[in-house]
Amino acid sequence: MGALEAQLRLGLQDLARALDSGARLEGVQSLAGGVSADVYRLQLGYADGRSEDVVARVHGASHSGHGAALEFALLQALYASDVPVPQPLMVHPAGVNRLTLPCLVMRFVVGQSELSSGSIDRSVAVMANMLQRIHATTLNPLPPLPDRLDPLPEVFDYLPDGDRWVALGAYLKTLRDTRYGGVPKLLHGDFWPQNLLWQRGEIVAVLDWEDAAMGDPLSDVAAAGLELRYQYGSKGMRLFLQAYAVRSPLDWRRLALWQIYVAAAAQHFMHSWGLPAAREKHMRRAAQATMSEAFAQLTRVPT
């Protein structure tokens, strides 16, 4: 075991004892996490023979989402709501012991994050229903979350260069009153299959709330649709949008604006996500195709 791995294990041992003074760390398994967090499944044992598994979400140096304390407070509120999330157990601030980075500890939830290839239609419908549940959730008390209300003007920071995009940029600059005018809704901020745990075709936990916000629900819809397009092509995105629209009619103009925003931001940042070259090329094509299609949608819908 290298020095870094040994130091990490010592820190996780301290974390286990901070969670329960009688706990001992019996095993560690690295789980799939995001770009800015390392996620570990910890097997804990106790003197009375009990055992349990917990998840430690350790915020890395490149972490750009909410701090561990805010995410913990949000999970506490969500756990008491209608949204299935792992039970939050502890927030561990940086520098308390040998685990030098901030960390969030949750109860381990059994499930898988991969959609069954044979049931994509039903799976995306379940996803759409879950996202609607999140958007309909009222939390009290609600920790302070940022607003996500307007795809402009920030989108101009992300539009790609090249003649292909000149007309899109010029068109967006003519738009006014693009700020969401409804009651702000709770947003997950990163709703995609890898942040969901499934059992027998149902979602049992929604993970990774580090990008949660209050604002326009169509920002979540656009982002989730794009992620499904990466995995299942334009059909996956279309099925998801249709499923969401069954219960929540879509404002297609606002959706197109958010599709341009999330796709432009994705293609701008994906070089830093550590993707294999072929995967990045595929995702970049999907993002740019989504931008082009959304632009065409905007020019068909009266402003």
Protein backbone atom coordinates (compact mmCIF):
# COMPACT_ATOMS: atom_id res chain seq x y z
CA MET A 1 0.00 0.00 0.00
CA GLY A 2 1.38 3.39 -0.99
CA ALA A 3 1.85 6.28 1.41
CA LEU A 4 -1.20 8.13 0.06
CA GLU A 5 -3.45 5.06 0.39
CA ALA A 6 -2.13 4.37 3.91
CA GLN A 7 -2.79 7.97 4.97
CA LEU A 8 -6.29 7.80 3.52
CA ARG A 9 -7.07 4.61 5.42
CA LEU A 10 -5.88 6.19 8.65
CA GLY A 11 -8.14 9.14 7.97
CA LEU A 12 -11.09 6.87 7.26
CA GLN A 13 -10.40 4.98 10.50
CA ASP A 14 -10.60 8.31 12.34
CA LEU A 15 -13.83 9.04 10.48
CA ALA A 16 -15.34 5.72 11.61
CA ARG A 17 -14.49 6.47 15.24
CA ALA A 18 -15.91 9.98 14.91
CA LEU A 19 -19.15 8.44 13.69
CA ASP A 20 -19.21 5.94 16.58
CA SER A 21 -16.47 5.59 19.18
CA GLY A 22 -16.95 1.83 19.17
CA ALA A 23 -16.67 1.40 15.41
CA ARG A 24 -13.73 -0.20 13.68
CA LEU A 25 -13.00 0.03 9.97
CA GLU A 26 -13.05 -3.48 8.50
CA GLY A 27 -13.00 -2.70 4.79
CA VAL A 28 -12.92 0.08 2.20
CA GLN A 29 -14.28 -0.01 -1.33
CA SER A 30 -13.89 2.84 -3.80
CA LEU A 31 -17.17 3.73 -5.53
CA ALA A 32 -17.83 5.66 -8.70
CA GLY A 33 -17.96 9.35 -7.88
CA GLY A 34 -17.92 12.68 -9.60
CA VAL A 35 -15.05 14.77 -10.89
CA SER A 36 -14.63 16.67 -7.63
CA ALA A 37 -15.37 14.04 -4.96
CA ASP A 38 -13.98 10.65 -3.99
CA VAL A 39 -16.59 8.19 -2.72
CA TYR A 40 -15.89 5.19 -0.49
CA ARG A 41 -18.00 2.40 0.95
CA LEU A 42 -16.84 1.73 4.50
CA GLN A 43 -17.55 -1.59 6.21
CA LEU A 44 -17.82 -0.93 9.93
CA GLY A 45 -17.81 -3.50 12.74
CA TYR A 46 -18.70 -3.21 16.42
CA ALA A 47 -17.71 -5.10 19.54
CA ASP A 48 -21.23 -6.53 19.95
CA GLY A 49 -21.00 -8.22 16.57
CA ARG A 50 -23.06 -5.69 14.64
CA SER A 51 -21.88 -4.46 11.27
CA GLU A 52 -23.03 -1.78 8.87
CA ASP A 53 -21.94 -0.10 5.68
CA VAL A 54 -21.75 3.67 5.25
CA VAL A 55 -20.64 5.90 2.40
CA ALA A 56 -18.02 8.63 2.80
CA ARG A 57 -18.13 11.32 0.15
CA VAL A 58 -14.79 13.13 0.43
CA HIS A 59 -14.56 16.51 -1.25
CA GLY A 60 -11.36 16.76 -3.25
CA ALA A 61 -9.18 19.79 -3.88
CA SER A 62 -10.99 20.45 -7.17
CA HIS A 63 -14.46 20.32 -5.58
CA SER A 64 -16.65 23.05 -7.05
CA GLY A 65 -20.10 22.25 -5.64
CA HIS A 66 -21.71 23.05 -2.31
CA GLY A 67 -19.67 22.60 0.83
CA ALA A 68 -20.14 19.44 2.87
CA ALA A 69 -22.07 21.25 5.60
CA LEU A 70 -24.61 22.71 3.17
CA GLU A 71 -25.06 19.40 1.35
CA PHE A 72 -25.54 17.66 4.72
CA ALA A 73 -28.22 20.16 5.76
CA LEU A 74 -29.99 19.70 2.43
CA LEU A 75 -29.89 15.90 2.75
CA GLN A 76 -31.36 16.18 6.26
CA ALA A 77 -34.29 18.17 4.91
CA LEU A 78 -34.73 15.85 1.92
CA TYR A 79 -34.59 12.72 4.07
CA ALA A 80 -37.68 13.96 5.92
CA SER A 81 -39.45 14.65 2.62
CA ASP A 82 -40.93 12.58 -0.19
CA VAL A 83 -37.61 12.40 -2.08
CA PRO A 84 -35.60 9.19 -1.55
CA VAL A 85 -32.05 10.04 -0.49
CA PRO A 86 -29.48 8.22 1.65
CA GLN A 87 -29.81 8.95 5.35
CA PRO A 88 -27.21 11.59 6.26
CA LEU A 89 -25.21 10.56 9.32
CA MET A 90 -22.44 13.09 9.83
CA VAL A 91 -20.59 15.98 8.28
CA HIS A 92 -16.85 15.95 8.87
CA PRO A 93 -15.07 19.32 8.56
CA ALA A 94 -11.58 19.60 7.14
CA GLY A 95 -8.56 19.36 9.39
CA VAL A 96 -10.18 17.68 12.40
CA ASN A 97 -8.05 14.52 12.27
CA ARG A 98 -6.01 12.57 9.75
CA LEU A 99 -8.78 12.91 7.17
CA THR A 100 -7.78 16.41 6.13
CA LEU A 101 -10.57 17.01 3.56
CA PRO A 102 -14.23 17.76 4.30
CA CYS A 103 -16.47 14.74 4.11
CA LEU A 104 -20.14 13.79 4.16
CA VAL A 105 -21.14 10.42 5.66
CA MET A 106 -24.38 8.68 4.64
CA ARG A 107 -26.06 5.33 5.13
CA PHE A 108 -25.21 2.91 2.32
CA VAL A 109 -28.13 2.17 -0.02
CA VAL A 110 -28.18 -1.06 -2.02
CA GLY A 111 -28.88 -0.45 -5.69
CA GLN A 112 -27.43 -0.11 -9.16
CA SER A 113 -26.91 3.02 -11.21
CA GLU A 114 -27.14 1.45 -14.67
CA LEU A 115 -30.43 1.49 -16.55
CA SER A 116 -31.52 -1.82 -18.02
CA SER A 117 -30.98 -1.71 -21.77
CA GLY A 118 -34.19 -3.65 -22.28
CA SER A 119 -36.46 -1.15 -20.53
CA ILE A 120 -35.27 2.29 -21.57
CA ASP A 121 -38.80 3.57 -22.25
CA ARG A 122 -40.00 2.72 -18.77
CA SER A 123 -36.76 3.76 -17.08
CA VAL A 124 -36.77 7.26 -18.53
CA ALA A 125 -40.44 7.60 -17.54
CA VAL A 126 -39.52 6.68 -13.95
CA MET A 127 -36.70 9.23 -14.11
CA ALA A 128 -39.08 11.93 -15.36
CA ASN A 129 -41.55 11.19 -12.57
CA MET A 130 -38.80 11.37 -9.96
CA LEU A 131 -37.55 14.71 -11.29
CA GLN A 132 -41.11 16.04 -11.09
CA ARG A 133 -41.28 14.90 -7.45
CA ILE A 134 -38.11 16.85 -6.74
CA HIS A 135 -39.48 19.95 -8.43
CA ALA A 136 -42.70 19.68 -6.42
CA THR A 137 -40.88 19.30 -3.09
CA THR A 138 -41.19 22.06 -0.52
CA LEU A 139 -38.58 21.87 2.23
CA ASN A 140 -38.90 23.67 5.54
CA PRO A 141 -36.39 24.61 6.70
CA LEU A 142 -34.48 24.85 3.44
CA PRO A 143 -30.75 25.63 3.57
CA PRO A 144 -29.68 28.61 1.45
CA LEU A 145 -29.28 27.54 -2.17
CA PRO A 146 -28.21 29.60 -5.19
CA ASP A 147 -30.70 30.74 -7.81
CA ARG A 148 -30.79 29.22 -11.29
CA LEU A 149 -33.30 31.38 -13.09
CA ASP A 150 -31.85 32.66 -16.35
CA PRO A 151 -29.76 30.91 -19.04
CA LEU A 152 -28.62 34.33 -20.25
CA PRO A 153 -26.21 36.11 -20.10
CA GLU A 154 -23.86 33.39 -18.75
CA VAL A 155 -24.35 31.25 -21.86
CA PHE A 156 -22.17 33.65 -23.85
CA ASP A 157 -19.15 32.50 -21.81
CA TYR A 158 -19.66 28.96 -23.14
CA LEU A 159 -20.64 29.29 -26.80
CA PRO A 160 -18.01 27.68 -29.03
CA ASP A 161 -15.99 29.65 -31.53
CA GLY A 162 -16.46 29.30 -35.27
CA ASP A 163 -18.71 30.55 -38.02
CA ARG A 164 -21.23 27.81 -37.28
CA TRP A 165 -22.23 29.55 -34.05
CA VAL A 166 -22.23 33.21 -35.09
CA ALA A 167 -25.93 33.27 -35.94
CA LEU A 168 -26.84 31.57 -32.66
CA GLY A 169 -24.87 34.09 -30.61
CA ALA A 170 -26.36 37.00 -32.53
CA TYR A 171 -29.89 35.66 -32.04
CA LEU A 172 -29.43 35.16 -28.30
CA LYS A 173 -28.25 38.75 -27.94
CA THR A 174 -31.60 39.97 -29.29
CA LEU A 175 -33.60 38.22 -26.56
CA ARG A 176 -35.09 40.01 -23.59
CA ASP A 177 -36.92 38.84 -20.48
CA THR A 178 -35.41 35.36 -20.41
CA ARG A 179 -35.48 35.15 -16.60
CA TYR A 180 -37.84 32.54 -15.15
CA GLY A 181 -41.00 34.23 -13.88
CA GLY A 182 -42.61 31.38 -11.95
CA VAL A 183 -42.21 30.27 -8.36
CA PRO A 184 -38.64 28.91 -7.99
CA LYS A 185 -38.53 25.12 -7.66
CA LEU A 186 -36.03 22.86 -5.94
CA LEU A 187 -33.49 21.73 -8.54
CA HIS A 188 -31.16 18.76 -8.29
CA GLY A 189 -28.64 20.31 -10.66
CA ASP A 190 -27.06 17.06 -11.94
CA PHE A 191 -29.88 14.59 -12.53
CA TRP A 192 -28.58 11.70 -14.63
CA PRO A 193 -28.41 7.90 -14.36
CA GLN A 194 -25.11 7.77 -12.44
CA ASN A 195 -26.68 9.85 -9.67
CA LEU A 196 -29.58 7.43 -9.23
CA LEU A 197 -29.77 4.05 -7.50
CA TRP A 198 -32.28 1.50 -8.78
CA GLN A 199 -33.89 -1.63 -7.37
CA ARG A 200 -36.31 -3.75 -9.43
CA GLY A 201 -36.99 -0.92 -11.86
CA GLU A 202 -37.62 1.79 -9.27
CA ILE A 203 -35.41 4.61 -8.01
CA VAL A 204 -34.50 4.04 -4.37
CA ALA A 205 -32.06 6.91 -3.90
CA VAL A 206 -31.13 10.19 -5.60
CA LEU A 207 -27.46 10.98 -4.98
CA ASP A 208 -25.02 13.89 -5.22
CA TRP A 209 -26.85 17.11 -4.40
CA GLU A 210 -23.76 19.31 -4.59
CA ASP A 211 -25.20 21.38 -7.47
CA ALA A 212 -28.72 21.83 -6.05
CA ALA A 213 -30.37 25.20 -6.56
CA MET A 214 -33.70 27.00 -6.60
CA GLY A 215 -35.09 28.12 -9.92
CA ASP A 216 -36.44 27.10 -13.30
CA PRO A 217 -37.22 23.36 -13.44
CA LEU A 218 -36.51 23.33 -17.17
CA SER A 219 -32.81 23.75 -16.40
CA ASP A 220 -32.92 20.29 -14.78
CA VAL A 221 -35.01 18.89 -17.64
CA ALA A 222 -32.56 20.15 -20.26
CA ALA A 223 -29.53 18.78 -18.40
CA ALA A 224 -31.10 15.35 -17.81
CA GLY A 225 -32.20 15.13 -21.44
CA LEU A 226 -28.68 15.85 -22.65
CA GLU A 227 -27.19 13.20 -20.36
CA LEU A 228 -29.66 10.65 -21.72
CA ARG A 229 -28.71 11.66 -25.24
CA TYR A 230 -25.07 10.88 -24.47
CA GLN A 231 -26.04 7.36 -23.43
CA TYR A 232 -29.02 6.48 -25.60
CA GLY A 233 -28.95 8.93 -28.49
CA SER A 234 -31.60 11.42 -29.49
CA LYS A 235 -34.30 8.81 -28.79
CA GLY A 236 -33.35 8.70 -25.10
CA MET A 237 -33.62 12.47 -24.82
CA ARG A 238 -36.91 12.57 -26.71
CA LEU A 239 -38.48 9.85 -24.56
CA PHE A 240 -37.49 11.68 -21.39
CA LEU A 241 -38.91 15.01 -22.56
CA GLN A 242 -42.15 13.32 -23.62
CA ALA A 243 -42.45 11.55 -20.26
CA TYR A 244 -41.87 14.76 -18.30
CA ALA A 245 -44.38 16.64 -20.46
CA VAL A 246 -47.17 14.15 -19.65
CA ARG A 247 -47.65 15.71 -16.20
CA SER A 248 -45.86 19.04 -16.61
CA PRO A 249 -46.46 20.70 -19.99
CA LEU A 250 -43.22 22.09 -21.37
CA ASP A 251 -42.54 25.64 -22.48
CA TRP A 252 -40.53 24.59 -25.51
CA ARG A 253 -38.99 28.03 -26.00
CA ARG A 254 -37.61 28.16 -22.47
CA LEU A 255 -36.52 24.54 -22.73
CA ALA A 256 -34.59 25.36 -25.92
CA LEU A 257 -32.81 28.21 -24.14
CA TRP A 258 -31.78 25.90 -21.31
CA GLN A 259 -30.73 23.20 -23.78
CA ILE A 260 -28.39 25.69 -25.42
CA TYR A 261 -27.06 26.72 -22.02
CA VAL A 262 -26.38 23.22 -20.64
CA ALA A 263 -25.01 21.88 -23.93
CA ALA A 264 -22.74 24.89 -24.43
CA ALA A 265 -21.46 24.63 -20.85
CA ALA A 266 -20.91 20.87 -21.21
CA GLN A 267 -18.87 21.11 -24.40
CA HIS A 268 -16.90 24.00 -22.85
CA PHE A 269 -15.87 22.05 -19.73
CA MET A 270 -15.80 18.40 -20.79
CA HIS A 271 -12.09 18.52 -21.67
CA SER A 272 -11.46 18.65 -17.90
CA TRP A 273 -13.62 15.62 -17.05
CA GLY A 274 -10.94 13.03 -17.77
CA LEU A 275 -12.97 11.26 -20.47
CA PRO A 276 -11.49 8.83 -22.99
CA ALA A 277 -10.91 10.63 -26.29
CA ALA A 278 -13.59 8.69 -28.18
CA ARG A 279 -16.16 9.29 -25.44
CA GLU A 280 -15.43 13.01 -25.33
CA LYS A 281 -15.75 13.24 -29.12
CA HIS A 282 -19.13 11.49 -28.98
CA MET A 283 -20.43 13.71 -26.17
CA ARG A 284 -19.17 16.87 -27.83
CA ARG A 285 -21.03 15.95 -31.02
CA ALA A 286 -24.22 15.26 -29.05
CA ALA A 287 -23.95 18.56 -27.17
CA GLN A 288 -23.39 20.58 -30.32
CA ALA A 289 -26.22 18.79 -32.14
CA THR A 290 -28.50 19.67 -29.22
CA MET A 291 -27.47 23.32 -29.48
CA SER A 292 -28.22 23.38 -33.22
CA GLU A 293 -31.60 21.69 -32.78
CA ALA A 294 -32.56 24.02 -29.93
CA PHE A 295 -31.64 27.05 -32.05
CA ALA A 296 -33.90 25.75 -34.81
CA GLN A 297 -36.66 25.27 -32.23
CA LEU A 298 -36.28 28.86 -31.02
CA THR A 299 -36.60 30.28 -34.51
CA ARG A 300 -39.84 28.31 -35.00
CA VAL A 301 -41.47 29.46 -31.74
CA PRO A 302 -42.80 33.02 -31.56
CA THR A 303 -41.01 35.17 -28.98
